[in-house]
Protein backbone atom coordinates (compact mmCIF):
# COMPACT_ATOMS: atom_id res chain seq x y z
CA MET A 1 -0.21 -0.03 0.00
CA SER A 2 1.03 3.40 -0.72
CA GLU A 3 1.46 5.70 2.19
CA GLY A 4 1.12 9.56 2.36
CA LYS A 5 -0.81 9.96 -0.67
CA THR A 6 -4.64 10.92 0.04
CA ASN A 7 -7.35 12.54 -2.16
CA LYS A 8 -8.77 14.40 0.54
CA LYS A 9 -9.18 18.18 0.15
CA GLU A 10 -7.22 20.24 2.79
CA LEU A 11 -8.05 23.99 3.49
CA LYS A 12 -6.48 26.71 5.93
CA GLY A 13 -8.61 29.00 7.78
CA ILE A 14 -9.16 31.03 10.80
CA VAL A 15 -10.86 29.74 13.99
CA VAL A 16 -14.13 31.85 14.54
CA SER A 17 -15.68 29.78 17.45
CA ASN A 18 -14.44 27.32 19.94
CA LYS A 19 -17.36 27.11 22.07
CA MET A 20 -18.63 23.63 21.33
CA GLN A 21 -17.37 20.57 22.84
CA GLY A 22 -14.75 18.83 20.50
CA THR A 23 -15.79 20.73 17.69
CA ILE A 24 -14.72 24.39 16.34
CA ARG A 25 -15.98 26.56 13.37
CA VAL A 26 -13.30 27.53 10.88
CA GLN A 27 -13.63 30.49 8.24
CA VAL A 28 -12.11 29.90 5.04
CA ASP A 29 -11.49 32.66 2.57
CA THR A 30 -11.09 31.86 -1.02
CA PRO A 31 -9.90 34.58 -3.30
CA PHE A 32 -11.23 34.85 -6.93
CA ARG A 33 -11.55 37.23 -9.82
CA HIS A 34 -14.99 38.72 -10.69
CA PRO A 35 -15.82 37.67 -14.36
CA VAL A 36 -17.09 40.96 -15.42
CA TYR A 37 -15.23 43.63 -13.22
CA LYS A 38 -12.12 41.65 -12.74
CA LYS A 39 -11.72 42.64 -9.30
CA ILE A 40 -10.34 40.21 -6.67
CA ILE A 41 -13.18 39.41 -4.21
CA ASN A 42 -12.90 36.99 -1.22
CA LYS A 43 -15.49 34.38 -0.73
CA ARG A 44 -16.04 33.30 2.65
CA LYS A 45 -17.39 30.04 4.04
CA ILE A 46 -17.66 28.35 7.26
CA PHE A 47 -16.72 24.65 8.03
CA PHE A 48 -17.22 22.87 11.26
CA ALA A 49 -14.30 20.73 12.23
CA HIS A 50 -13.66 18.12 14.81
CA THR A 51 -10.76 18.42 17.14
CA ASP A 52 -9.12 17.10 20.13
CA LYS A 53 -6.22 19.72 20.40
CA GLU A 54 -6.44 22.96 22.28
CA VAL A 55 -7.49 25.63 19.70
CA ASN A 56 -8.49 29.32 20.55
CA GLU A 57 -10.37 31.97 18.23
CA GLY A 58 -8.15 33.48 16.01
CA ASP A 59 -5.70 30.70 15.48
CA GLU A 60 -4.87 29.85 11.88
CA VAL A 61 -5.27 25.86 11.28
CA THR A 62 -5.28 23.55 8.46
CA ILE A 63 -8.29 21.23 8.14
CA ARG A 64 -8.85 18.06 6.14
CA GLU A 65 -11.80 16.33 4.81
CA SER A 66 -12.74 13.04 6.80
CA ARG A 67 -15.76 10.70 7.75
CA PRO A 68 -18.84 12.29 8.92
CA TYR A 69 -18.85 12.94 12.74
CA SER A 70 -22.19 14.46 12.96
CA LYS A 71 -24.65 16.24 10.48
CA ASN A 72 -22.73 19.21 10.12
CA VAL A 73 -19.19 17.96 10.92
CA LYS A 74 -17.26 16.50 8.28
CA TRP A 75 -13.97 17.93 8.57
CA VAL A 76 -10.88 17.33 11.14
CA VAL A 77 -8.08 19.58 12.24
CA VAL A 78 -4.73 18.42 10.91
CA GLU A 79 -2.35 21.03 12.36
CA LYS A 80 -2.43 24.38 14.37
């Protein structure tokens, strides 16, 4: 078996909330160019991620796709 190669998405974002038990909210900004006006715009999206690590609001984290932990939690924190 080959190790180290996964087809799962990884995203970097900022922790918005850590008030839930074992779950955090991560805001991911994705810049893209507007098709007509050519201005660069940040598209923001909130992801729920599972974690066992001590993470505070404002920390930058990397999250990866994983198995569903609940209805909304389908990501896991890889590193802080």
